N, C-alpha and C. Protein backbone atom coordinates (compact mmCIF):
# COMPACT_ATOMS: atom_id res chain seq x y z
N MET A 1 -60.87 -0.90 55.72
CA MET A 1 -61.23 -1.96 54.48
C MET A 1 -60.40 -0.75 53.67
N LYS A 2 -61.27 0.02 53.39
CA LYS A 2 -60.96 0.92 51.61
C LYS A 2 -59.42 1.51 51.58
N LYS A 3 -59.37 1.45 52.94
CA LYS A 3 -57.99 2.71 53.02
C LYS A 3 -56.94 1.31 52.37
N LYS A 4 -57.06 0.40 53.22
CA LYS A 4 -56.12 -0.69 53.12
C LYS A 4 -56.14 -1.60 51.83
N ILE A 5 -57.23 -1.35 50.73
CA ILE A 5 -57.03 -1.60 49.26
C ILE A 5 -57.04 -0.58 48.71
N ILE A 6 -56.85 0.80 49.26
CA ILE A 6 -56.39 2.00 48.13
C ILE A 6 -54.84 1.91 48.67
N ALA A 7 -54.44 1.69 49.76
CA ALA A 7 -52.94 1.41 50.12
C ALA A 7 -52.12 0.50 49.14
N ILE A 8 -52.83 -0.64 48.98
CA ILE A 8 -52.29 -1.85 48.66
C ILE A 8 -52.15 -1.41 46.39
N LEU A 9 -53.29 -1.02 46.44
CA LEU A 9 -53.20 -0.14 45.22
C LEU A 9 -52.21 0.42 44.69
N MET A 10 -51.96 1.60 45.59
CA MET A 10 -50.81 2.84 45.26
C MET A 10 -49.88 1.98 45.39
N ILE A 11 -49.31 1.10 46.27
CA ILE A 11 -48.08 0.60 46.34
C ILE A 11 -48.09 -0.65 44.98
N ILE A 12 -48.89 -0.89 44.07
CA ILE A 12 -49.13 -1.30 42.95
C ILE A 12 -48.05 -0.96 42.11
N THR A 13 -48.93 0.08 41.96
CA THR A 13 -49.12 1.09 40.71
C THR A 13 -47.89 1.99 40.82
N LEU A 14 -47.56 2.01 42.47
CA LEU A 14 -45.82 2.84 42.13
C LEU A 14 -44.97 1.89 41.91
N SER A 15 -44.87 0.21 42.07
CA SER A 15 -43.99 -0.62 42.16
C SER A 15 -44.52 -0.37 40.32
N ILE A 16 -45.33 -0.87 39.67
CA ILE A 16 -45.54 -0.81 38.23
C ILE A 16 -44.28 0.02 37.78
N THR A 17 -44.50 1.94 38.28
CA THR A 17 -44.46 2.48 37.58
C THR A 17 -42.36 2.56 37.70
N LEU A 18 -41.99 1.76 38.53
CA LEU A 18 -41.00 2.15 38.78
C LEU A 18 -39.98 0.98 38.30
N VAL A 19 -40.58 -0.30 37.89
CA VAL A 19 -39.97 -1.02 37.05
C VAL A 19 -40.03 -0.35 35.53
N GLY A 20 -41.57 -0.07 35.42
CA GLY A 20 -41.44 0.64 33.99
C GLY A 20 -40.30 1.55 33.34
N CYS A 21 -40.03 2.74 34.96
CA CYS A 21 -39.03 3.52 34.50
C CYS A 21 -37.30 3.32 34.39
N GLU A 22 -37.24 1.53 34.24
CA GLU A 22 -36.05 1.51 34.46
C GLU A 22 -35.26 1.62 33.60
N ASN A 23 -33.73 1.83 33.39
CA ASN A 23 -32.60 2.38 32.39
C ASN A 23 -33.52 2.94 31.03
N THR A 24 -33.87 4.17 31.43
CA THR A 24 -34.47 4.83 30.12
C THR A 24 -33.35 5.66 29.61
N GLN A 25 -31.88 5.39 29.67
CA GLN A 25 -31.34 5.78 28.65
C GLN A 25 -30.62 4.99 27.92
N LYS A 26 -31.26 6.00 26.94
CA LYS A 26 -30.87 4.80 25.47
C LYS A 26 -28.84 4.70 26.17
N GLU A 27 -28.71 3.29 24.20
CA GLU A 27 -27.51 3.30 24.38
C GLU A 27 -27.03 3.80 23.47
N PRO A 28 -25.91 4.81 23.15
CA PRO A 28 -25.04 5.26 22.01
C PRO A 28 -25.30 4.52 20.82
N ASP A 29 -25.94 5.15 19.81
CA ASP A 29 -25.64 4.86 18.63
C ASP A 29 -24.39 4.90 17.80
N THR A 30 -24.01 3.38 17.35
CA THR A 30 -22.72 3.09 16.69
C THR A 30 -22.74 3.12 15.69
N THR A 31 -23.96 3.02 14.92
CA THR A 31 -24.51 2.66 13.63
C THR A 31 -23.31 3.56 12.81
N GLN A 32 -22.59 2.84 11.86
CA GLN A 32 -21.63 3.99 10.38
C GLN A 32 -22.53 4.08 9.45
N THR A 33 -22.28 5.48 8.78
CA THR A 33 -22.99 6.14 7.80
C THR A 33 -22.19 5.41 6.91
N LEU A 34 -22.85 5.29 5.79
CA LEU A 34 -21.98 5.06 4.13
C LEU A 34 -21.25 5.05 4.08
N GLU A 35 -20.71 6.61 4.20
CA GLU A 35 -19.67 7.54 4.21
C GLU A 35 -18.56 6.55 4.85
N GLU A 36 -18.52 6.08 6.14
CA GLU A 36 -17.66 5.87 6.80
C GLU A 36 -17.25 4.54 6.77
N ILE A 37 -18.03 4.02 6.02
CA ILE A 37 -18.51 2.06 5.65
C ILE A 37 -17.32 2.40 4.46
N LEU A 38 -17.51 2.96 3.44
CA LEU A 38 -17.32 3.21 2.41
C LEU A 38 -15.39 3.51 2.04
N GLU A 39 -15.20 4.56 2.83
CA GLU A 39 -13.62 5.18 3.24
C GLU A 39 -13.07 3.94 3.86
N GLU A 40 -13.69 3.19 4.85
CA GLU A 40 -12.97 2.22 5.18
C GLU A 40 -12.89 0.90 4.59
N ASN A 41 -13.39 1.23 3.52
CA ASN A 41 -13.21 0.07 2.02
C ASN A 41 -13.15 -1.79 3.28
N ASN A 42 -14.06 -2.19 3.73
CA ASN A 42 -14.00 -2.90 4.11
C ASN A 42 -15.87 -4.15 4.13
N TYR A 43 -16.01 -4.02 2.77
CA TYR A 43 -17.41 -4.22 2.50
C TYR A 43 -17.53 -4.92 1.17
N THR A 44 -18.88 -5.63 1.84
CA THR A 44 -19.21 -6.34 0.06
C THR A 44 -20.45 -6.29 -0.23
N ILE A 45 -20.98 -5.85 -1.51
CA ILE A 45 -22.06 -5.32 -2.22
C ILE A 45 -22.88 -5.93 -2.60
N VAL A 46 -23.79 -6.62 -2.01
CA VAL A 46 -24.96 -7.66 -2.32
C VAL A 46 -26.20 -6.75 -2.93
N ASP A 47 -26.49 -7.24 -4.36
CA ASP A 47 -27.92 -6.93 -5.43
C ASP A 47 -28.98 -8.36 -4.82
N VAL A 48 -29.63 -7.86 -4.13
CA VAL A 48 -30.57 -8.80 -3.59
C VAL A 48 -31.53 -8.97 -4.52
N ARG A 49 -31.82 -8.61 -6.17
CA ARG A 49 -32.72 -8.64 -7.09
C ARG A 49 -32.31 -10.05 -7.78
N THR A 50 -33.46 -10.38 -8.81
CA THR A 50 -33.08 -11.61 -9.61
C THR A 50 -31.70 -11.54 -10.37
N PHE A 51 -31.60 -12.58 -10.90
CA PHE A 51 -30.44 -12.58 -11.73
C PHE A 51 -30.59 -11.74 -12.66
N GLU A 52 -31.75 -11.90 -13.49
CA GLU A 52 -32.01 -10.90 -14.31
C GLU A 52 -31.91 -9.72 -14.68
N GLU A 53 -32.56 -8.89 -13.66
CA GLU A 53 -32.52 -7.45 -13.18
C GLU A 53 -30.89 -6.98 -12.80
N TYR A 54 -30.90 -8.24 -11.95
CA TYR A 54 -28.77 -7.84 -11.90
C TYR A 54 -27.87 -7.44 -13.25
N GLN A 55 -28.70 -8.71 -14.25
CA GLN A 55 -27.93 -8.49 -15.79
C GLN A 55 -28.37 -7.36 -16.40
N GLU A 56 -29.19 -6.92 -16.13
CA GLU A 56 -29.54 -5.35 -16.45
C GLU A 56 -28.85 -4.14 -16.22
N GLY A 57 -28.07 -4.19 -15.27
CA GLY A 57 -27.56 -3.10 -14.29
C GLY A 57 -26.94 -3.26 -12.81
N HIS A 58 -25.76 -2.95 -12.74
CA HIS A 58 -25.91 -3.57 -11.03
C HIS A 58 -24.65 -2.69 -10.72
N VAL A 59 -24.41 -1.93 -9.51
CA VAL A 59 -23.55 -1.54 -8.69
C VAL A 59 -22.60 -2.32 -8.89
N LYS A 60 -21.42 -0.92 -9.50
CA LYS A 60 -19.45 -2.07 -9.85
C LYS A 60 -19.48 -2.94 -8.74
N GLY A 61 -19.19 -3.43 -8.62
CA GLY A 61 -18.53 -4.60 -7.67
C GLY A 61 -19.77 -5.46 -6.99
N ALA A 62 -20.98 -5.14 -7.26
CA ALA A 62 -21.82 -5.68 -6.90
C ALA A 62 -21.68 -7.73 -7.24
N ILE A 63 -22.15 -8.39 -6.08
CA ILE A 63 -22.44 -9.50 -6.16
C ILE A 63 -23.82 -10.06 -5.83
N ASN A 64 -24.12 -10.80 -6.84
CA ASN A 64 -25.62 -10.91 -6.99
C ASN A 64 -26.47 -11.93 -5.96
N ILE A 65 -27.01 -12.33 -5.27
CA ILE A 65 -27.37 -13.31 -3.97
C ILE A 65 -29.21 -12.90 -4.05
N PRO A 66 -30.06 -13.62 -4.93
CA PRO A 66 -31.76 -13.24 -4.50
C PRO A 66 -31.74 -12.95 -3.17
N TYR A 67 -32.65 -12.06 -3.07
CA TYR A 67 -32.75 -12.10 -1.16
C TYR A 67 -33.84 -12.97 -0.70
N ASP A 68 -34.14 -14.37 -1.68
CA ASP A 68 -35.11 -15.47 -0.84
C ASP A 68 -33.68 -16.49 -0.57
N GLU A 69 -32.86 -15.90 -1.12
CA GLU A 69 -31.84 -17.40 -0.94
C GLU A 69 -30.58 -16.63 -0.16
N ILE A 70 -30.72 -15.71 0.88
CA ILE A 70 -30.26 -15.37 1.65
C ILE A 70 -30.78 -16.44 2.78
N ASP A 71 -29.99 -17.11 3.44
CA ASP A 71 -29.96 -18.10 4.42
C ASP A 71 -29.05 -18.45 5.25
N GLU A 72 -28.68 -19.57 6.37
CA GLU A 72 -27.35 -19.49 7.00
C GLU A 72 -26.36 -20.34 6.07
N ASN A 73 -27.17 -20.64 5.36
CA ASN A 73 -25.66 -20.97 4.45
C ASN A 73 -25.06 -20.21 3.29
N VAL A 74 -25.28 -18.79 2.95
CA VAL A 74 -24.70 -17.88 2.43
C VAL A 74 -23.43 -17.98 2.91
N GLU A 75 -22.88 -17.79 2.23
CA GLU A 75 -21.17 -17.67 2.58
C GLU A 75 -20.45 -16.38 2.13
N LEU A 76 -20.30 -15.27 2.89
CA LEU A 76 -20.01 -14.14 3.04
C LEU A 76 -19.42 -13.79 4.20
N SER A 77 -17.84 -12.83 4.19
CA SER A 77 -17.20 -13.08 5.53
C SER A 77 -18.02 -12.09 6.52
N LYS A 78 -18.06 -12.13 7.50
CA LYS A 78 -18.37 -11.72 8.87
C LYS A 78 -17.56 -10.61 8.93
N GLU A 79 -16.17 -10.06 8.76
CA GLU A 79 -15.56 -9.62 8.96
C GLU A 79 -15.99 -8.75 8.08
N LYS A 80 -16.61 -8.25 7.04
CA LYS A 80 -16.83 -7.15 6.08
C LYS A 80 -18.84 -6.67 6.38
N THR A 81 -19.07 -5.48 6.19
CA THR A 81 -19.78 -4.87 6.44
C THR A 81 -20.39 -5.18 5.07
N ILE A 82 -21.68 -5.88 5.22
CA ILE A 82 -22.29 -6.35 4.00
C ILE A 82 -23.55 -4.77 3.62
N LEU A 83 -23.56 -4.65 2.70
CA LEU A 83 -24.47 -3.36 1.67
C LEU A 83 -25.44 -3.94 0.92
N VAL A 84 -26.34 -4.44 1.39
CA VAL A 84 -27.48 -4.60 0.15
C VAL A 84 -28.79 -3.35 -0.47
N TYR A 85 -28.61 -4.11 -1.73
CA TYR A 85 -29.95 -3.19 -2.58
C TYR A 85 -30.75 -4.10 -3.14
N CYS A 86 -31.91 -3.31 -4.00
CA CYS A 86 -32.98 -3.92 -4.44
C CYS A 86 -33.67 -2.90 -5.49
N HIS A 87 -34.98 -3.15 -6.23
CA HIS A 87 -35.44 -2.18 -6.97
C HIS A 87 -35.68 -1.20 -6.31
N SER A 88 -36.60 -1.52 -5.35
CA SER A 88 -37.20 -0.69 -4.62
C SER A 88 -37.55 0.26 -3.32
N GLY A 89 -36.50 -0.91 -2.56
CA GLY A 89 -35.90 -0.79 -1.35
C GLY A 89 -36.21 -2.19 -0.46
N LYS A 90 -37.71 -2.59 -0.73
CA LYS A 90 -38.40 -3.56 0.18
C LYS A 90 -37.48 -5.05 -0.15
N ARG A 91 -37.24 -5.37 -0.80
CA ARG A 91 -36.15 -7.00 -0.74
C ARG A 91 -35.22 -6.56 -0.28
N SER A 92 -34.60 -5.45 0.07
CA SER A 92 -33.33 -5.03 0.43
C SER A 92 -33.30 -5.05 1.75
N SER A 93 -34.41 -4.72 2.29
CA SER A 93 -34.72 -4.68 3.79
C SER A 93 -34.86 -5.86 4.43
N ILE A 94 -35.79 -6.58 3.69
CA ILE A 94 -35.97 -8.15 4.22
C ILE A 94 -34.22 -8.99 3.87
N ALA A 95 -34.27 -8.08 3.38
CA ALA A 95 -31.71 -9.28 3.50
C ALA A 95 -31.34 -8.62 4.19
N TYR A 96 -31.43 -7.72 4.28
CA TYR A 96 -31.10 -7.02 5.36
C TYR A 96 -31.16 -7.31 6.62
N GLU A 97 -32.54 -7.49 7.55
CA GLU A 97 -33.21 -8.00 8.50
C GLU A 97 -32.88 -9.70 8.45
N GLN A 98 -32.90 -10.18 7.62
CA GLN A 98 -31.93 -11.60 7.66
C GLN A 98 -30.73 -11.79 7.85
N LEU A 99 -29.94 -10.79 7.11
CA LEU A 99 -28.29 -10.73 7.34
C LEU A 99 -27.95 -10.52 8.89
N THR A 100 -28.63 -9.39 8.82
CA THR A 100 -28.56 -9.18 10.62
C THR A 100 -28.85 -10.08 12.25
N SER A 101 -29.30 -10.93 11.15
CA SER A 101 -30.09 -12.03 12.21
C SER A 101 -29.43 -13.52 12.07
N LEU A 102 -28.43 -13.10 11.15
CA LEU A 102 -27.42 -14.55 10.93
C LEU A 102 -25.95 -14.13 11.67
N GLY A 103 -25.99 -12.93 12.04
CA GLY A 103 -24.80 -12.13 12.71
C GLY A 103 -23.74 -11.44 11.98
N TYR A 104 -24.98 -10.76 10.86
CA TYR A 104 -23.48 -10.20 9.26
C TYR A 104 -23.58 -8.72 10.40
N GLU A 105 -23.10 -7.88 9.69
CA GLU A 105 -23.02 -6.01 10.19
C GLU A 105 -23.54 -5.82 8.91
N GLY A 106 -24.47 -5.32 8.98
CA GLY A 106 -25.36 -4.94 7.17
C GLY A 106 -25.93 -3.47 7.15
N TYR A 107 -25.94 -3.01 6.40
CA TYR A 107 -26.55 -1.63 6.08
C TYR A 107 -27.39 -1.78 4.52
N ASP A 108 -28.49 -1.23 4.88
CA ASP A 108 -29.25 -1.48 4.17
C ASP A 108 -29.49 0.29 2.75
N LEU A 109 -29.01 -0.17 1.70
CA LEU A 109 -28.87 0.73 0.50
C LEU A 109 -30.04 1.32 0.13
N GLY A 110 -30.99 0.29 -0.12
CA GLY A 110 -32.36 1.01 -0.81
C GLY A 110 -32.85 0.28 -1.55
N ALA A 111 -33.18 1.43 -2.95
CA ALA A 111 -33.45 1.56 -4.26
C ALA A 111 -32.63 1.38 -5.07
N TYR A 112 -32.54 1.03 -5.96
CA TYR A 112 -31.12 0.43 -7.18
C TYR A 112 -31.00 2.36 -7.77
N ASP A 113 -32.07 2.24 -8.00
CA ASP A 113 -32.09 3.80 -9.07
C ASP A 113 -31.65 5.07 -8.32
N SER A 114 -31.28 4.77 -6.97
CA SER A 114 -31.14 6.19 -5.86
C SER A 114 -29.95 5.94 -5.55
N LEU A 115 -29.36 5.05 -5.81
CA LEU A 115 -27.76 4.76 -5.45
C LEU A 115 -27.14 6.06 -5.82
N PRO A 116 -25.75 6.22 -5.06
CA PRO A 116 -24.98 7.10 -5.78
C PRO A 116 -23.69 6.59 -5.85
N LEU A 117 -23.32 5.16 -5.73
CA LEU A 117 -22.49 4.40 -6.65
C LEU A 117 -22.63 4.32 -8.10
N GLU A 118 -21.35 3.89 -8.22
CA GLU A 118 -20.94 3.65 -9.82
C GLU A 118 -21.38 2.42 -10.22
N LYS A 119 -22.19 2.26 -11.08
CA LYS A 119 -22.98 1.71 -12.37
C LYS A 119 -22.37 0.91 -13.15
N GLU A 120 -22.48 -0.26 -13.58
CA GLU A 120 -21.78 -0.90 -14.79
C GLU A 120 -23.57 -1.56 -15.04
């Protein structure tokens, strides 16, 4: 009886191991670098800070949509990559997640002060 239980446990363990090892090969990373996105010139920059922060200074050409206003009603082209930034990177991370869940291609630029883009 003990041998049967041990055999059954070995079969279960082997089965779990085989199922857990399926498709361990990762998909190739198709994420574009910021330089590639900028070179293609097919993007929209969105400042997800408050209107007041945006007025104090923003990336040249950026539009302002506060992160907490990004929902299914946001009107952005899904044909373009959406670049988002904020003050510290926290709100842009939230906005990035929201946009990608809505089907947009996105890129989180992070914190405004560390951006190497022209500002106005």
